[in-house]
């Protein structure tokens, strides 16, 4: 298992790449709706993808990882599936939520509980993980969305 410092570094490295994608996008590009998916489903705009990532960090930290580290098992009904992100969120708001989400996570890591419980696990719709592994898993989740972001940016250019 990685140390908490290694996990936070991984999270920060992934976030830097996420923010590099966001940096040069205009509000119009963030709000552009891509064509319907293969099965006719709606596909998120770039802005929705970025908001999803910012919202997920709050959700995962406060509802899954922190309780586990504090020795509190979330109910089985708590899964890693926050509500859908809003459409049309201003870029400045997206940037604000990314900054606030990471600030909260960083502060939690800096004030890591001396008696952090690394034994208690929760599935949350995925595999059973302890609180630290949930943070590491979040970094993987965010990195997973990088391909989606790249594909949506490529659609803007075609």
N, C-alpha and C. Protein backbone atom coordinates (compact mmCIF):
# COMPACT_ATOMS: atom_id res chain seq x y z
N UNK A 1 0.84 -1.17 0.00
CA UNK A 1 0.00 0.00 0.00
C UNK A 1 0.89 1.25 0.00
N UNK A 2 0.50 2.23 -0.79
CA UNK A 2 1.24 3.49 -0.84
C UNK A 2 1.06 4.26 0.47
N UNK A 3 2.02 5.11 0.76
CA UNK A 3 1.90 5.99 1.92
C UNK A 3 0.93 7.12 1.60
N UNK A 4 0.48 7.81 2.61
CA UNK A 4 -0.44 8.93 2.35
C UNK A 4 0.23 10.01 1.53
N UNK A 5 1.54 10.26 1.73
CA UNK A 5 2.23 11.26 0.93
C UNK A 5 2.30 10.86 -0.54
N UNK A 6 2.53 9.57 -0.80
CA UNK A 6 2.57 9.08 -2.17
C UNK A 6 1.19 9.20 -2.83
N UNK A 7 0.15 8.91 -2.07
CA UNK A 7 -1.21 9.01 -2.61
C UNK A 7 -1.53 10.47 -2.94
N UNK A 8 -1.20 11.39 -2.04
CA UNK A 8 -1.47 12.80 -2.30
C UNK A 8 -0.67 13.29 -3.50
N UNK A 9 0.56 12.85 -3.65
CA UNK A 9 1.36 13.24 -4.82
C UNK A 9 0.71 12.72 -6.10
N UNK A 10 0.25 11.49 -6.09
CA UNK A 10 -0.44 10.94 -7.26
C UNK A 10 -1.67 11.77 -7.57
N UNK A 11 -2.45 12.08 -6.54
CA UNK A 11 -3.65 12.90 -6.75
C UNK A 11 -3.29 14.26 -7.35
N UNK A 12 -2.22 14.88 -6.84
CA UNK A 12 -1.81 16.20 -7.34
C UNK A 12 -1.30 16.11 -8.78
N UNK A 13 -0.57 15.05 -9.11
CA UNK A 13 -0.07 14.88 -10.48
C UNK A 13 -1.24 14.73 -11.46
N UNK A 14 -2.21 13.91 -11.09
CA UNK A 14 -3.38 13.71 -11.94
C UNK A 14 -4.15 15.02 -12.06
N UNK A 15 -4.32 15.73 -10.95
CA UNK A 15 -5.07 17.00 -10.99
C UNK A 15 -4.37 18.02 -11.87
N UNK A 16 -3.04 18.07 -11.84
CA UNK A 16 -2.31 19.02 -12.69
C UNK A 16 -2.64 18.76 -14.16
N UNK A 17 -2.70 17.50 -14.54
CA UNK A 17 -3.03 17.17 -15.94
C UNK A 17 -4.48 17.57 -16.24
N UNK A 18 -5.38 17.29 -15.30
CA UNK A 18 -6.79 17.67 -15.49
C UNK A 18 -6.90 19.18 -15.71
N UNK A 19 -6.25 19.94 -14.87
CA UNK A 19 -6.32 21.40 -14.97
C UNK A 19 -5.66 21.91 -16.24
N UNK A 20 -4.65 21.19 -16.74
CA UNK A 20 -4.02 21.62 -17.99
C UNK A 20 -5.01 21.49 -19.16
N UNK A 21 -5.88 20.49 -19.11
CA UNK A 21 -6.91 20.37 -20.14
C UNK A 21 -7.89 21.53 -20.05
N UNK A 22 -8.26 21.90 -18.84
CA UNK A 22 -9.27 22.94 -18.62
C UNK A 22 -8.75 24.33 -18.97
N UNK A 23 -7.47 24.54 -18.78
CA UNK A 23 -6.87 25.87 -18.85
C UNK A 23 -7.26 26.69 -20.09
N UNK A 24 -7.13 26.13 -21.26
CA UNK A 24 -7.32 26.91 -22.49
C UNK A 24 -8.72 26.80 -23.10
N UNK A 25 -9.63 26.12 -22.42
CA UNK A 25 -10.98 25.97 -22.96
C UNK A 25 -11.82 27.20 -22.67
N UNK A 26 -12.61 27.61 -23.66
CA UNK A 26 -13.53 28.73 -23.48
C UNK A 26 -14.84 28.21 -22.86
N UNK A 27 -15.64 29.15 -22.41
CA UNK A 27 -16.94 28.76 -21.86
C UNK A 27 -17.79 28.07 -22.93
N UNK A 28 -17.71 28.58 -24.16
CA UNK A 28 -18.46 27.96 -25.26
C UNK A 28 -18.03 26.51 -25.46
N UNK A 29 -16.74 26.25 -25.39
CA UNK A 29 -16.24 24.88 -25.55
C UNK A 29 -16.67 23.99 -24.39
N UNK A 30 -16.66 24.54 -23.19
CA UNK A 30 -17.09 23.77 -22.02
C UNK A 30 -18.56 23.39 -22.10
N UNK A 31 -19.36 24.25 -22.70
CA UNK A 31 -20.80 24.03 -22.76
C UNK A 31 -21.27 23.29 -24.00
N UNK A 32 -20.41 23.11 -24.98
CA UNK A 32 -20.83 22.44 -26.22
C UNK A 32 -21.23 21.00 -25.94
N UNK A 33 -22.42 20.66 -26.38
CA UNK A 33 -22.93 19.29 -26.22
C UNK A 33 -22.41 18.43 -27.36
N UNK A 34 -21.76 17.33 -27.04
CA UNK A 34 -21.32 16.42 -28.11
C UNK A 34 -22.51 15.66 -28.68
N UNK A 35 -22.31 15.00 -29.82
CA UNK A 35 -23.39 14.19 -30.38
C UNK A 35 -23.81 13.09 -29.40
N UNK A 36 -24.99 12.56 -29.61
CA UNK A 36 -25.47 11.47 -28.76
C UNK A 36 -24.52 10.28 -28.82
N UNK A 37 -24.47 9.53 -27.74
CA UNK A 37 -23.62 8.35 -27.68
C UNK A 37 -24.10 7.24 -28.60
N UNK A 38 -23.37 6.15 -28.64
CA UNK A 38 -23.67 5.03 -29.54
C UNK A 38 -25.06 4.46 -29.32
N UNK A 39 -25.52 4.45 -28.09
CA UNK A 39 -26.85 3.90 -27.79
C UNK A 39 -27.91 5.01 -27.72
N UNK A 40 -27.55 6.19 -28.22
CA UNK A 40 -28.50 7.29 -28.24
C UNK A 40 -28.60 8.05 -26.93
N UNK A 41 -27.68 7.76 -25.98
CA UNK A 41 -27.72 8.44 -24.69
C UNK A 41 -27.02 9.81 -24.80
N UNK A 42 -27.42 10.70 -23.90
CA UNK A 42 -26.77 12.00 -23.84
C UNK A 42 -25.33 11.82 -23.36
N UNK A 43 -24.43 12.59 -23.91
CA UNK A 43 -23.03 12.57 -23.52
C UNK A 43 -22.74 13.88 -22.81
N UNK A 44 -21.99 13.82 -21.73
CA UNK A 44 -21.66 15.03 -20.98
C UNK A 44 -20.82 15.98 -21.80
N UNK A 45 -21.03 17.26 -21.57
CA UNK A 45 -20.16 18.29 -22.11
C UNK A 45 -18.84 18.26 -21.33
N UNK A 46 -17.84 18.96 -21.85
CA UNK A 46 -16.58 19.05 -21.12
C UNK A 46 -16.79 19.67 -19.74
N UNK A 47 -17.62 20.71 -19.67
CA UNK A 47 -17.88 21.35 -18.38
C UNK A 47 -18.48 20.37 -17.38
N UNK A 48 -19.38 19.52 -17.86
CA UNK A 48 -19.99 18.53 -16.96
C UNK A 48 -18.96 17.51 -16.48
N UNK A 49 -18.05 17.11 -17.36
CA UNK A 49 -17.01 16.16 -16.96
C UNK A 49 -16.13 16.78 -15.87
N UNK A 50 -15.71 18.03 -16.09
CA UNK A 50 -14.87 18.69 -15.09
C UNK A 50 -15.61 18.87 -13.76
N UNK A 51 -16.87 19.26 -13.81
CA UNK A 51 -17.65 19.41 -12.57
C UNK A 51 -17.82 18.06 -11.88
N UNK A 52 -18.03 17.01 -12.65
CA UNK A 52 -18.14 15.66 -12.09
C UNK A 52 -16.90 15.34 -11.26
N UNK A 53 -15.73 15.65 -11.80
CA UNK A 53 -14.49 15.35 -11.09
C UNK A 53 -14.35 16.17 -9.81
N UNK A 54 -14.70 17.44 -9.87
CA UNK A 54 -14.60 18.28 -8.67
C UNK A 54 -15.59 17.82 -7.61
N UNK A 55 -16.82 17.55 -8.01
CA UNK A 55 -17.86 17.10 -7.07
C UNK A 55 -17.47 15.76 -6.46
N UNK A 56 -16.93 14.86 -7.28
CA UNK A 56 -16.56 13.53 -6.79
C UNK A 56 -15.54 13.60 -5.66
N UNK A 57 -14.61 14.55 -5.74
CA UNK A 57 -13.60 14.62 -4.68
C UNK A 57 -14.24 14.94 -3.34
N UNK A 58 -15.17 15.90 -3.32
CA UNK A 58 -15.91 16.20 -2.08
C UNK A 58 -16.65 14.96 -1.59
N UNK A 59 -17.38 14.35 -2.50
CA UNK A 59 -18.23 13.22 -2.16
C UNK A 59 -17.40 12.07 -1.58
N UNK A 60 -16.36 11.70 -2.30
CA UNK A 60 -15.54 10.58 -1.87
C UNK A 60 -14.85 10.89 -0.54
N UNK A 61 -14.28 12.06 -0.41
CA UNK A 61 -13.54 12.41 0.81
C UNK A 61 -14.46 12.40 2.02
N UNK A 62 -15.58 13.12 1.91
CA UNK A 62 -16.42 13.35 3.08
C UNK A 62 -17.38 12.21 3.39
N UNK A 63 -17.80 11.45 2.38
CA UNK A 63 -18.81 10.42 2.61
C UNK A 63 -18.26 9.00 2.65
N UNK A 64 -17.05 8.80 2.15
CA UNK A 64 -16.50 7.44 2.15
C UNK A 64 -15.15 7.38 2.85
N UNK A 65 -14.13 8.10 2.35
CA UNK A 65 -12.77 7.94 2.86
C UNK A 65 -12.63 8.41 4.31
N UNK A 66 -13.07 9.61 4.63
CA UNK A 66 -12.92 10.12 6.00
C UNK A 66 -13.63 9.24 7.02
N UNK A 67 -14.89 8.86 6.79
CA UNK A 67 -15.52 7.99 7.79
C UNK A 67 -14.73 6.70 8.01
N UNK A 68 -14.24 6.08 6.93
CA UNK A 68 -13.48 4.84 7.08
C UNK A 68 -12.23 5.08 7.93
N UNK A 69 -11.51 6.14 7.64
CA UNK A 69 -10.29 6.44 8.38
C UNK A 69 -10.59 6.75 9.84
N UNK A 70 -11.80 7.24 10.11
CA UNK A 70 -12.21 7.55 11.47
C UNK A 70 -12.85 6.34 12.15
N UNK A 71 -12.87 5.19 11.46
CA UNK A 71 -13.40 3.97 12.04
C UNK A 71 -14.90 3.83 11.93
N UNK A 72 -15.51 4.58 11.01
CA UNK A 72 -16.95 4.53 10.81
C UNK A 72 -17.22 3.94 9.43
N UNK A 73 -17.93 2.83 9.39
CA UNK A 73 -18.23 2.19 8.11
C UNK A 73 -19.49 2.83 7.51
N UNK A 74 -19.37 3.40 6.30
CA UNK A 74 -20.57 3.95 5.64
C UNK A 74 -21.56 2.82 5.35
N UNK A 75 -22.85 3.14 5.33
CA UNK A 75 -23.84 2.12 4.99
C UNK A 75 -23.58 1.58 3.58
N UNK A 76 -24.01 0.34 3.36
CA UNK A 76 -23.79 -0.28 2.05
C UNK A 76 -24.42 0.55 0.93
N UNK A 77 -25.44 1.34 1.22
CA UNK A 77 -26.09 2.16 0.20
C UNK A 77 -25.27 3.34 -0.27
N UNK A 78 -24.19 3.67 0.44
CA UNK A 78 -23.32 4.77 0.02
C UNK A 78 -22.39 4.21 -1.04
N UNK A 79 -22.52 4.71 -2.25
CA UNK A 79 -21.68 4.24 -3.34
C UNK A 79 -20.96 5.42 -3.97
N UNK A 80 -19.95 5.13 -4.74
CA UNK A 80 -19.16 6.17 -5.40
C UNK A 80 -19.90 6.65 -6.64
N UNK A 81 -21.01 7.31 -6.41
CA UNK A 81 -21.84 7.79 -7.51
C UNK A 81 -22.59 9.04 -7.06
N UNK A 82 -21.90 10.17 -7.03
CA UNK A 82 -22.57 11.40 -6.64
C UNK A 82 -23.61 11.82 -7.68
N UNK A 83 -24.40 12.82 -7.38
CA UNK A 83 -25.41 13.26 -8.34
C UNK A 83 -24.77 13.75 -9.64
N UNK A 84 -25.55 13.75 -10.72
CA UNK A 84 -25.00 14.23 -11.99
C UNK A 84 -24.57 15.70 -11.88
N UNK A 85 -23.53 16.06 -12.60
CA UNK A 85 -23.06 17.45 -12.54
C UNK A 85 -24.00 18.38 -13.28
N UNK A 86 -24.04 19.63 -12.86
CA UNK A 86 -24.90 20.60 -13.56
C UNK A 86 -24.29 20.98 -14.91
N UNK A 87 -25.16 21.33 -15.85
CA UNK A 87 -24.73 21.79 -17.17
C UNK A 87 -24.60 23.31 -17.13
N UNK A 88 -23.63 23.83 -17.87
CA UNK A 88 -23.49 25.28 -18.03
C UNK A 88 -22.81 25.98 -16.88
N UNK A 89 -22.07 25.25 -16.08
CA UNK A 89 -21.37 25.87 -14.96
C UNK A 89 -20.26 26.76 -15.50
N UNK A 90 -20.18 28.02 -15.03
CA UNK A 90 -19.11 28.90 -15.51
C UNK A 90 -17.72 28.33 -15.20
N UNK A 91 -16.79 28.57 -16.10
CA UNK A 91 -15.43 28.05 -15.95
C UNK A 91 -14.83 28.46 -14.61
N UNK A 92 -15.06 29.70 -14.20
CA UNK A 92 -14.51 30.18 -12.93
C UNK A 92 -15.06 29.37 -11.76
N UNK A 93 -16.30 28.95 -11.86
CA UNK A 93 -16.90 28.14 -10.81
C UNK A 93 -16.28 26.75 -10.78
N UNK A 94 -16.04 26.18 -11.95
CA UNK A 94 -15.39 24.86 -12.04
C UNK A 94 -14.00 24.95 -11.39
N UNK A 95 -13.25 25.99 -11.75
CA UNK A 95 -11.91 26.16 -11.19
C UNK A 95 -11.98 26.34 -9.67
N UNK A 96 -12.96 27.09 -9.20
CA UNK A 96 -13.15 27.30 -7.76
C UNK A 96 -13.39 25.97 -7.05
N UNK A 97 -14.28 25.11 -7.60
CA UNK A 97 -14.59 23.84 -6.95
C UNK A 97 -13.40 22.89 -6.97
N UNK A 98 -12.64 22.91 -8.05
CA UNK A 98 -11.41 22.10 -8.06
C UNK A 98 -10.47 22.56 -6.95
N UNK A 99 -10.29 23.88 -6.84
CA UNK A 99 -9.39 24.42 -5.83
C UNK A 99 -9.88 24.10 -4.42
N UNK A 100 -11.18 24.29 -4.16
CA UNK A 100 -11.73 24.02 -2.82
C UNK A 100 -11.68 22.54 -2.49
N UNK A 101 -11.97 21.69 -3.48
CA UNK A 101 -11.94 20.25 -3.23
C UNK A 101 -10.54 19.82 -2.82
N UNK A 102 -9.54 20.26 -3.56
CA UNK A 102 -8.17 19.82 -3.25
C UNK A 102 -7.66 20.46 -1.97
N UNK A 103 -8.05 21.69 -1.70
CA UNK A 103 -7.66 22.33 -0.45
C UNK A 103 -8.19 21.52 0.74
N UNK A 104 -9.44 21.08 0.65
CA UNK A 104 -10.02 20.26 1.72
C UNK A 104 -9.30 18.94 1.87
N UNK A 105 -8.96 18.32 0.76
CA UNK A 105 -8.23 17.05 0.80
C UNK A 105 -6.83 17.25 1.37
N UNK A 106 -6.16 18.28 0.91
CA UNK A 106 -4.81 18.57 1.40
C UNK A 106 -4.83 18.83 2.91
N UNK A 107 -5.79 19.60 3.37
CA UNK A 107 -5.88 19.88 4.82
C UNK A 107 -6.14 18.59 5.59
N UNK A 108 -6.96 17.71 5.03
CA UNK A 108 -7.22 16.44 5.70
C UNK A 108 -5.94 15.62 5.81
N UNK A 109 -5.16 15.59 4.72
CA UNK A 109 -3.90 14.85 4.74
C UNK A 109 -2.90 15.47 5.72
N UNK A 110 -2.89 16.80 5.80
CA UNK A 110 -1.98 17.47 6.73
C UNK A 110 -2.38 17.23 8.19
N UNK A 111 -3.65 17.00 8.45
CA UNK A 111 -4.15 16.74 9.80
C UNK A 111 -4.62 15.30 9.92
N UNK A 112 -3.88 14.41 9.30
CA UNK A 112 -4.21 12.98 9.26
C UNK A 112 -4.46 12.47 10.67
N UNK A 113 -5.54 11.73 10.87
CA UNK A 113 -5.80 11.22 12.21
C UNK A 113 -4.67 10.31 12.70
N UNK A 114 -4.19 10.57 13.93
CA UNK A 114 -3.10 9.75 14.49
C UNK A 114 -3.50 8.29 14.57
N UNK A 115 -4.79 8.04 14.76
CA UNK A 115 -5.27 6.67 14.88
C UNK A 115 -6.07 6.25 13.64
N UNK A 116 -5.62 6.72 12.47
CA UNK A 116 -6.33 6.41 11.22
C UNK A 116 -6.53 4.91 11.09
N UNK A 117 -7.75 4.53 10.79
CA UNK A 117 -8.11 3.12 10.64
C UNK A 117 -7.85 2.71 9.19
N UNK A 118 -6.86 1.87 8.98
CA UNK A 118 -6.55 1.39 7.63
C UNK A 118 -7.02 -0.05 7.44
N UNK A 119 -7.75 -0.56 8.40
CA UNK A 119 -8.27 -1.93 8.32
C UNK A 119 -9.71 -1.95 7.79
N UNK A 120 -10.50 -0.97 8.21
CA UNK A 120 -11.91 -0.92 7.84
C UNK A 120 -12.03 -0.62 6.35
N UNK A 121 -12.86 -1.39 5.65
CA UNK A 121 -13.04 -1.20 4.20
C UNK A 121 -14.51 -1.02 3.86
N UNK A 122 -14.73 -0.52 2.66
CA UNK A 122 -16.08 -0.31 2.14
C UNK A 122 -16.02 -0.54 0.64
N UNK A 123 -17.04 -1.20 0.11
CA UNK A 123 -17.07 -1.45 -1.34
C UNK A 123 -17.56 -0.24 -2.11
N UNK A 124 -18.65 0.35 -1.70
CA UNK A 124 -19.15 1.55 -2.37
C UNK A 124 -19.39 1.39 -3.84
N UNK A 125 -19.78 0.18 -4.28
CA UNK A 125 -20.03 -0.06 -5.69
C UNK A 125 -18.79 -0.52 -6.44
N UNK A 126 -17.66 -0.58 -5.75
CA UNK A 126 -16.40 -1.02 -6.36
C UNK A 126 -15.86 -2.18 -5.52
N UNK A 127 -14.56 -2.34 -5.50
CA UNK A 127 -13.94 -3.35 -4.64
C UNK A 127 -13.81 -2.78 -3.23
N UNK A 128 -13.69 -3.63 -2.24
CA UNK A 128 -13.52 -3.18 -0.86
C UNK A 128 -12.16 -2.49 -0.73
N UNK A 129 -12.18 -1.26 -0.21
CA UNK A 129 -10.95 -0.48 -0.03
C UNK A 129 -11.00 0.23 1.32
N UNK A 130 -9.82 0.49 1.89
CA UNK A 130 -9.78 1.31 3.10
C UNK A 130 -9.80 2.79 2.69
N UNK A 131 -9.81 3.68 3.67
CA UNK A 131 -9.92 5.11 3.37
C UNK A 131 -8.81 5.64 2.50
N UNK A 132 -7.57 5.24 2.77
CA UNK A 132 -6.45 5.71 1.96
C UNK A 132 -6.55 5.17 0.54
N UNK A 133 -6.94 3.92 0.41
CA UNK A 133 -7.11 3.34 -0.92
C UNK A 133 -8.23 4.03 -1.70
N UNK A 134 -9.23 4.53 -1.00
CA UNK A 134 -10.29 5.28 -1.68
C UNK A 134 -9.73 6.57 -2.28
N UNK A 135 -8.84 7.24 -1.55
CA UNK A 135 -8.21 8.44 -2.12
C UNK A 135 -7.38 8.08 -3.34
N UNK A 136 -6.62 7.01 -3.25
CA UNK A 136 -5.83 6.57 -4.40
C UNK A 136 -6.75 6.19 -5.57
N UNK A 137 -7.84 5.52 -5.26
CA UNK A 137 -8.81 5.16 -6.28
C UNK A 137 -9.43 6.37 -6.96
N UNK A 138 -9.63 7.44 -6.18
CA UNK A 138 -10.16 8.66 -6.76
C UNK A 138 -9.20 9.20 -7.82
N UNK A 139 -7.90 9.17 -7.54
CA UNK A 139 -6.91 9.64 -8.52
C UNK A 139 -7.02 8.81 -9.80
N UNK A 140 -7.21 7.50 -9.65
CA UNK A 140 -7.39 6.64 -10.82
C UNK A 140 -8.67 6.97 -11.57
N UNK A 141 -9.72 7.29 -10.83
CA UNK A 141 -11.00 7.67 -11.44
C UNK A 141 -10.83 8.94 -12.26
N UNK A 142 -10.15 9.92 -11.68
CA UNK A 142 -9.93 11.18 -12.40
C UNK A 142 -9.07 10.94 -13.64
N UNK A 143 -8.01 10.14 -13.51
CA UNK A 143 -7.15 9.84 -14.65
C UNK A 143 -7.92 9.09 -15.75
N UNK A 144 -8.84 8.23 -15.34
CA UNK A 144 -9.68 7.50 -16.29
C UNK A 144 -10.44 8.48 -17.19
N UNK A 145 -10.89 9.58 -16.62
CA UNK A 145 -11.66 10.57 -17.38
C UNK A 145 -10.79 11.38 -18.35
N UNK A 146 -9.48 11.30 -18.22
CA UNK A 146 -8.62 12.06 -19.14
C UNK A 146 -8.85 11.65 -20.59
N UNK A 147 -9.05 10.36 -20.84
CA UNK A 147 -9.30 9.93 -22.22
C UNK A 147 -10.61 10.52 -22.73
N UNK A 148 -11.63 10.53 -21.88
CA UNK A 148 -12.91 11.13 -22.26
C UNK A 148 -12.72 12.61 -22.58
N UNK A 149 -11.96 13.31 -21.75
CA UNK A 149 -11.69 14.74 -21.99
C UNK A 149 -10.95 14.92 -23.31
N UNK A 150 -9.94 14.10 -23.56
CA UNK A 150 -9.19 14.19 -24.81
C UNK A 150 -10.11 13.95 -26.01
N UNK A 151 -10.99 12.97 -25.91
CA UNK A 151 -11.92 12.69 -27.00
C UNK A 151 -12.86 13.85 -27.25
N UNK A 152 -13.36 14.46 -26.18
CA UNK A 152 -14.28 15.59 -26.34
C UNK A 152 -13.56 16.81 -26.92
N UNK A 153 -12.31 17.03 -26.50
CA UNK A 153 -11.53 18.14 -27.06
C UNK A 153 -11.28 17.88 -28.55
N UNK A 154 -10.98 16.65 -28.93
CA UNK A 154 -10.75 16.33 -30.35
C UNK A 154 -12.01 16.61 -31.16
N UNK A 155 -13.19 16.34 -30.58
CA UNK A 155 -14.44 16.64 -31.29
C UNK A 155 -14.60 18.14 -31.53
N UNK A 156 -14.10 18.95 -30.62
CA UNK A 156 -14.17 20.40 -30.79
C UNK A 156 -13.35 20.84 -32.00
N UNK A 157 -12.27 20.13 -32.25
CA UNK A 157 -11.34 20.51 -33.32
C UNK A 157 -11.74 19.96 -34.67
N UNK A 158 -12.71 19.04 -34.70
CA UNK A 158 -13.09 18.46 -36.00
C UNK A 158 -14.26 19.16 -36.62
